[in-house]
Amino acid sequence: AFIRATDVFTGAYDGALQVDAVTRDTVVPSQISGRILATNMVVHDAPTLGRILSGGAISSLMSDLKNGGIKFSKIELPFQGIGPRWQITEGVAFGPQIGLTLDGGYDVAQGRLALNGSVSPAYAINGALGNIPLLGKLLTGGEGEGVFGVTFSVDGHTNKPVVSVNPLSALAPGFLRKIVSQVGNGR
């Protein structure tokens, strides 16, 4: 339900999906933690992802999303939930066309999302710079990010979340992108 509510990976097909979770339903509120892992998945016609892509300097991927889809080699979303409140921490998704990170929460009872992340185009090339010893992680910001990318947020009710993309963040290398995104969001 959480992934469906975010609408970022709607229309996914192919590949393999694995969900590992541990629940504690003997406590109130119930608790769950785990990890979603998808490999070789194609995402097609996902409205929220489309709004994220069209808001940055990566709108060229819009036609890919609408036509054949965007291939993700790996999607990994560590999650935890306490009662109706769910959280993703340090989620990553990447493939040859794109890399993205995702953090945030979903309140099931209120139907409200608060997600943040970054999107890096041409991830196969852009993210490859992350393999440079010592300097790579500094340039890219970590797995799922590249040297060039933009930050985004998805906030509001799941029926019509507000998608914001910070174009200023495209000017900053990975390690500075989170700082620039805070400035661009007025924080």
C-alpha atoms as a PDB file:
ATOM      1  CA  ALA A   1       0.000   0.000   0.000  1.00  0.00           C
ATOM      2  CA  PHE A   2       2.860   2.386   0.832  1.00  0.00           C
ATOM      3  CA  ILE A   3       4.587   1.924  -2.532  1.00  0.00           C
ATOM      4  CA  ARG A   4       1.266   2.145  -4.359  1.00  0.00           C
ATOM      5  CA  ALA A   5       0.401   5.384  -2.512  1.00  0.00           C
ATOM      6  CA  THR A   6       3.665   7.060  -3.510  1.00  0.00           C
ATOM      7  CA  ASP A   7       2.799   6.448  -7.171  1.00  0.00           C
ATOM      8  CA  VAL A   8       6.530   6.609  -8.011  1.00  0.00           C
ATOM      9  CA  PHE A   9       6.778   2.980  -9.162  1.00  0.00           C
ATOM     10  CA  THR A  10       3.217   2.490 -10.470  1.00  0.00           C
ATOM     11  CA  GLY A  11       2.994   0.449 -13.655  1.00  0.00           C
ATOM     12  CA  ALA A  12       6.024  -1.696 -12.808  1.00  0.00           C
ATOM     13  CA  TYR A  13       6.393  -4.998 -14.652  1.00  0.00           C
ATOM     14  CA  ASP A  14       8.940  -7.732 -15.352  1.00  0.00           C
ATOM     15  CA  GLY A  15      11.811  -8.518 -13.019  1.00  0.00           C
ATOM     16  CA  ALA A  16      11.712 -10.072  -9.598  1.00  0.00           C
ATOM     17  CA  LEU A  17      10.288  -8.737  -6.338  1.00  0.00           C
ATOM     18  CA  GLN A  18      11.327  -9.837  -2.868  1.00  0.00           C
ATOM     19  CA  VAL A  19       9.868  -8.528   0.389  1.00  0.00           C
ATOM     20  CA  ASP A  20      11.532  -9.421   3.682  1.00  0.00           C
ATOM     21  CA  ALA A  21       9.730  -8.249   6.804  1.00  0.00           C
ATOM     22  CA  VAL A  22       9.592  -8.817  10.533  1.00  0.00           C
ATOM     23  CA  THR A  23       6.387  -7.944  12.364  1.00  0.00           C
ATOM     24  CA  ARG A  24       5.556  -7.406  16.003  1.00  0.00           C
ATOM     25  CA  ASP A  25       1.803  -7.650  16.083  1.00  0.00           C
ATOM     26  CA  THR A  26       1.722  -8.518  19.788  1.00  0.00           C
ATOM     27  CA  VAL A  27       2.417  -4.887  20.705  1.00  0.00           C
ATOM     28  CA  VAL A  28       0.095  -1.928  20.233  1.00  0.00           C
ATOM     29  CA  PRO A  29       0.472  -0.287  17.831  1.00  0.00           C
ATOM     30  CA  SER A  30       1.773  -3.103  15.650  1.00  0.00           C
ATOM     31  CA  GLN A  31       5.271  -2.744  14.223  1.00  0.00           C
ATOM     32  CA  ILE A  32       6.926  -3.939  11.032  1.00  0.00           C
ATOM     33  CA  SER A  33      10.357  -3.488   9.498  1.00  0.00           C
ATOM     34  CA  GLY A  34      11.968  -4.896   6.426  1.00  0.00           C
ATOM     35  CA  ARG A  35      13.187  -4.371   2.906  1.00  0.00           C
ATOM     36  CA  ILE A  36      11.675  -4.411  -0.564  1.00  0.00           C
ATOM     37  CA  LEU A  37      14.114  -5.547  -3.245  1.00  0.00           C
ATOM     38  CA  ALA A  38      13.222  -5.541  -6.930  1.00  0.00           C
ATOM     39  CA  THR A  39      15.623  -6.408  -9.734  1.00  0.00           C
ATOM     40  CA  ASN A  40      15.360  -5.873 -13.490  1.00  0.00           C
ATOM     41  CA  MET A  41      12.016  -4.111 -13.229  1.00  0.00           C
ATOM     42  CA  VAL A  42      10.543  -1.736 -15.817  1.00  0.00           C
ATOM     43  CA  VAL A  43       8.392   1.186 -14.661  1.00  0.00           C
ATOM     44  CA  HIS A  44       5.850   2.456 -17.177  1.00  0.00           C
ATOM     45  CA  ASP A  45       3.443   5.399 -16.995  1.00  0.00           C
ATOM     46  CA  ALA A  46       3.975   6.290 -13.297  1.00  0.00           C
ATOM     47  CA  PRO A  47       2.304   9.712 -12.741  1.00  0.00           C
ATOM     48  CA  THR A  48       4.394  10.914  -9.793  1.00  0.00           C
ATOM     49  CA  LEU A  49       7.684   9.816 -11.353  1.00  0.00           C
ATOM     50  CA  GLY A  50       6.592  11.583 -14.538  1.00  0.00           C
ATOM     51  CA  ARG A  51       5.999  14.823 -12.624  1.00  0.00           C
ATOM     52  CA  ILE A  52       9.429  14.512 -10.977  1.00  0.00           C
ATOM     53  CA  LEU A  53      11.124  13.990 -14.352  1.00  0.00           C
ATOM     54  CA  SER A  54       9.263  16.807 -16.090  1.00  0.00           C
ATOM     55  CA  GLY A  55      10.178  19.267 -13.323  1.00  0.00           C
ATOM     56  CA  GLY A  56      13.937  18.911 -13.726  1.00  0.00           C
ATOM     57  CA  ALA A  57      16.512  19.005 -16.463  1.00  0.00           C
ATOM     58  CA  ILE A  58      15.716  15.377 -17.267  1.00  0.00           C
ATOM     59  CA  SER A  59      12.442  15.695 -19.130  1.00  0.00           C
ATOM     60  CA  SER A  60      13.931  13.657 -21.999  1.00  0.00           C
ATOM     61  CA  LEU A  61      13.142  10.549 -19.928  1.00  0.00           C
ATOM     62  CA  MET A  62       9.411  11.383 -20.078  1.00  0.00           C
ATOM     63  CA  SER A  63       9.007   9.728 -23.486  1.00  0.00           C
ATOM     64  CA  ASP A  64      10.805   6.621 -22.177  1.00  0.00           C
ATOM     65  CA  LEU A  65       8.427   6.475 -19.199  1.00  0.00           C
ATOM     66  CA  LYS A  66       5.330   6.780 -21.397  1.00  0.00           C
ATOM     67  CA  ASN A  67       6.489   4.436 -24.164  1.00  0.00           C
ATOM     68  CA  GLY A  68       8.586   1.367 -23.271  1.00  0.00           C
ATOM     69  CA  GLY A  69       9.228   2.332 -19.647  1.00  0.00           C
ATOM     70  CA  ILE A  70      12.341   3.024 -17.593  1.00  0.00           C
ATOM     71  CA  LYS A  71      14.389   0.001 -16.582  1.00  0.00           C
ATOM     72  CA  PHE A  72      15.639  -0.286 -13.018  1.00  0.00           C
ATOM     73  CA  SER A  73      18.376  -2.859 -12.417  1.00  0.00           C
ATOM     74  CA  LYS A  74      17.818  -2.574  -8.671  1.00  0.00           C
ATOM     75  CA  ILE A  75      15.192  -1.014  -6.416  1.00  0.00           C
ATOM     76  CA  GLU A  76      15.893  -1.334  -2.694  1.00  0.00           C
ATOM     77  CA  LEU A  77      13.561   0.241  -0.157  1.00  0.00           C
ATOM     78  CA  PRO A  78      14.275  -0.383   3.543  1.00  0.00           C
ATOM     79  CA  PHE A  79      11.082   0.344   5.490  1.00  0.00           C
ATOM     80  CA  GLN A  80       9.552   0.360   8.927  1.00  0.00           C
ATOM     81  CA  GLY A  81       6.057   0.955  10.167  1.00  0.00           C
ATOM     82  CA  ILE A  82       4.523   1.665  13.536  1.00  0.00           C
ATOM     83  CA  GLY A  83       0.752   1.499  13.380  1.00  0.00           C
ATOM     84  CA  PRO A  84      -0.447   3.586  10.435  1.00  0.00           C
ATOM     85  CA  ARG A  85       2.868   5.442   9.964  1.00  0.00           C
ATOM     86  CA  TRP A  86       5.354   4.011   7.513  1.00  0.00           C
ATOM     87  CA  GLN A  87       8.873   5.191   6.716  1.00  0.00           C
ATOM     88  CA  ILE A  88      11.421   4.523   3.946  1.00  0.00           C
ATOM     89  CA  THR A  89      15.028   5.269   4.833  1.00  0.00           C
ATOM     90  CA  GLU A  90      17.851   5.412   2.280  1.00  0.00           C
ATOM     91  CA  GLY A  91      15.861   3.862  -0.559  1.00  0.00           C
ATOM     92  CA  VAL A  92      17.664   3.578  -3.900  1.00  0.00           C
ATOM     93  CA  ALA A  93      16.643   2.684  -7.428  1.00  0.00           C
ATOM     94  CA  PHE A  94      18.920   2.680 -10.448  1.00  0.00           C
ATOM     95  CA  GLY A  95      19.342   1.444 -13.969  1.00  0.00           C
ATOM     96  CA  PRO A  96      21.130   2.540 -17.143  1.00  0.00           C
ATOM     97  CA  GLN A  97      18.799   5.508 -17.738  1.00  0.00           C
ATOM     98  CA  ILE A  98      18.276   6.879 -14.244  1.00  0.00           C
ATOM     99  CA  GLY A  99      19.240   6.642 -10.592  1.00  0.00           C
ATOM    100  CA  LEU A 100      17.193   7.889  -7.669  1.00  0.00           C
ATOM    101  CA  THR A 101      17.138   7.992  -3.908  1.00  0.00           C
ATOM    102  CA  LEU A 102      14.064   8.091  -1.691  1.00  0.00           C
ATOM    103  CA  ASP A 103      13.462   8.878   1.983  1.00  0.00           C
ATOM    104  CA  GLY A 104      10.273   9.778   3.769  1.00  0.00           C
ATOM    105  CA  GLY A 105       7.019   8.657   5.234  1.00  0.00           C
ATOM    106  CA  TYR A 106       3.400   7.789   4.644  1.00  0.00           C
ATOM    107  CA  ASP A 107       0.562   8.139   7.150  1.00  0.00           C
ATOM    108  CA  VAL A 108      -1.999   5.517   6.094  1.00  0.00           C
ATOM    109  CA  ALA A 109      -4.746   6.862   8.370  1.00  0.00           C
ATOM    110  CA  GLN A 110      -4.493  10.391   6.973  1.00  0.00           C
ATOM    111  CA  GLY A 111      -3.425   9.384   3.446  1.00  0.00           C
ATOM    112  CA  ARG A 112      -0.504  11.842   3.565  1.00  0.00           C
ATOM    113  CA  LEU A 113       2.967  11.521   2.016  1.00  0.00           C
ATOM    114  CA  ALA A 114       6.207  13.330   2.817  1.00  0.00           C
ATOM    115  CA  LEU A 115       9.004  12.037   0.580  1.00  0.00           C
ATOM    116  CA  ASN A 116      12.361  13.484  -0.501  1.00  0.00           C
ATOM    117  CA  GLY A 117      14.965  12.241  -2.901  1.00  0.00           C
ATOM    118  CA  SER A 118      17.214  12.907  -5.842  1.00  0.00           C
ATOM    119  CA  VAL A 119      17.181  11.857  -9.493  1.00  0.00           C
ATOM    120  CA  SER A 120      20.299  11.424 -11.643  1.00  0.00           C
ATOM    121  CA  PRO A 121      19.934  10.999 -15.421  1.00  0.00           C
ATOM    122  CA  ALA A 122      22.121   8.685 -17.535  1.00  0.00           C
ATOM    123  CA  TYR A 123      22.968   6.785 -14.371  1.00  0.00           C
ATOM    124  CA  ALA A 124      25.191   4.224 -16.115  1.00  0.00           C
ATOM    125  CA  ILE A 125      27.575   7.035 -17.059  1.00  0.00           C
ATOM    126  CA  ASN A 126      26.774   9.573 -14.341  1.00  0.00           C
ATOM    127  CA  GLY A 127      26.975   7.017 -11.506  1.00  0.00           C
ATOM    128  CA  ALA A 128      30.117   5.336 -12.853  1.00  0.00           C
ATOM    129  CA  LEU A 129      32.126   8.258 -11.516  1.00  0.00           C
ATOM    130  CA  GLY A 130      31.169   6.990  -8.057  1.00  0.00           C
ATOM    131  CA  ASN A 131      33.614   4.113  -8.557  1.00  0.00           C
ATOM    132  CA  ILE A 132      36.622   6.441  -8.406  1.00  0.00           C
ATOM    133  CA  PRO A 133      38.418   5.654  -5.117  1.00  0.00           C
ATOM    134  CA  LEU A 134      38.040   8.328  -2.411  1.00  0.00           C
ATOM    135  CA  LEU A 135      36.649  10.963  -4.783  1.00  0.00           C
ATOM    136  CA  GLY A 136      33.693   8.984  -6.205  1.00  0.00           C
ATOM    137  CA  LYS A 137      31.383   9.070  -3.197  1.00  0.00           C
ATOM    138  CA  LEU A 138      32.129  12.743  -2.673  1.00  0.00           C
ATOM    139  CA  LEU A 139      31.187  13.582  -6.279  1.00  0.00           C
ATOM    140  CA  THR A 140      28.044  11.467  -6.468  1.00  0.00           C
ATOM    141  CA  GLY A 141      26.634  11.532  -2.946  1.00  0.00           C
ATOM    142  CA  GLY A 142      26.291   7.719  -2.743  1.00  0.00           C
ATOM    143  CA  GLU A 143      24.471   4.798  -4.373  1.00  0.00           C
ATOM    144  CA  GLY A 144      21.554   5.831  -6.581  1.00  0.00           C
ATOM    145  CA  GLU A 145      22.987   9.312  -7.134  1.00  0.00           C
ATOM    146  CA  GLY A 146      25.283  10.706  -9.783  1.00  0.00           C
ATOM    147  CA  VAL A 147      27.455  13.759 -10.252  1.00  0.00           C
ATOM    148  CA  PHE A 148      24.561  15.521 -11.992  1.00  0.00           C
ATOM    149  CA  GLY A 149      21.047  15.297 -10.631  1.00  0.00           C
ATOM    150  CA  VAL A 150      18.165  17.165  -9.050  1.00  0.00           C
ATOM    151  CA  THR A 151      16.415  16.857  -5.726  1.00  0.00           C
ATOM    152  CA  PHE A 152      12.665  16.500  -5.362  1.00  0.00           C
ATOM    153  CA  SER A 153       9.929  16.242  -2.765  1.00  0.00           C
ATOM    154  CA  VAL A 154       6.466  14.712  -2.860  1.00  0.00           C
ATOM    155  CA  ASP A 155       4.142  16.063  -0.151  1.00  0.00           C
ATOM    156  CA  GLY A 156       0.441  16.053   0.572  1.00  0.00           C
ATOM    157  CA  HIS A 157      -2.536  13.771   0.225  1.00  0.00           C
ATOM    158  CA  THR A 158      -2.084  10.631  -1.873  1.00  0.00           C
ATOM    159  CA  ASN A 159      -4.982  11.633  -4.166  1.00  0.00           C
ATOM    160  CA  LYS A 160      -3.040  14.633  -5.453  1.00  0.00           C
ATOM    161  CA  PRO A 161       0.445  15.012  -3.953  1.00  0.00           C
ATOM    162  CA  VAL A 162       2.439  18.152  -4.620  1.00  0.00           C
ATOM    163  CA  VAL A 163       5.665  17.366  -6.490  1.00  0.00           C
ATOM    164  CA  SER A 164       8.485  19.906  -6.176  1.00  0.00           C
ATOM    165  CA  VAL A 165      11.779  19.710  -8.043  1.00  0.00           C
ATOM    166  CA  ASN A 166      14.691  21.964  -7.112  1.00  0.00           C
ATOM    167  CA  PRO A 167      16.537  22.896 -10.334  1.00  0.00           C
ATOM    168  CA  LEU A 168      19.292  24.653  -8.315  1.00  0.00           C
ATOM    169  CA  SER A 169      20.400  21.283  -6.973  1.00  0.00           C
ATOM    170  CA  ALA A 170      21.515  20.268 -10.502  1.00  0.00           C
ATOM    171  CA  LEU A 171      24.387  22.724 -10.162  1.00  0.00           C
ATOM    172  CA  ALA A 172      25.851  21.016  -7.093  1.00  0.00           C
ATOM    173  CA  PRO A 173      27.899  17.803  -6.941  1.00  0.00           C
ATOM    174  CA  GLY A 174      26.452  14.924  -4.910  1.00  0.00           C
ATOM    175  CA  PHE A 175      27.833  15.831  -1.496  1.00  0.00           C
ATOM    176  CA  LEU A 176      26.496  19.413  -1.753  1.00  0.00           C
ATOM    177  CA  ARG A 177      23.161  18.527  -3.386  1.00  0.00           C
ATOM    178  CA  LYS A 178      21.349  17.964  -0.072  1.00  0.00           C
ATOM    179  CA  ILE A 179      22.537  21.323   1.237  1.00  0.00           C
ATOM    180  CA  VAL A 180      21.463  23.160  -1.931  1.00  0.00           C
ATOM    181  CA  SER A 181      18.099  21.364  -1.863  1.00  0.00           C
ATOM    182  CA  GLN A 182      17.428  22.752   1.615  1.00  0.00           C
ATOM    183  CA  VAL A 183      18.180  26.280   0.380  1.00  0.00           C
ATOM    184  CA  GLY A 184      15.955  25.855  -2.672  1.00  0.00           C
ATOM    185  CA  ASN A 185      13.082  24.586  -0.514  1.00  0.00           C
ATOM    186  CA  GLY A 186      13.320  27.619   1.775  1.00  0.00           C
ATOM    187  CA  ARG A 187      14.629  25.675   4.779  1.00  0.00           C
END
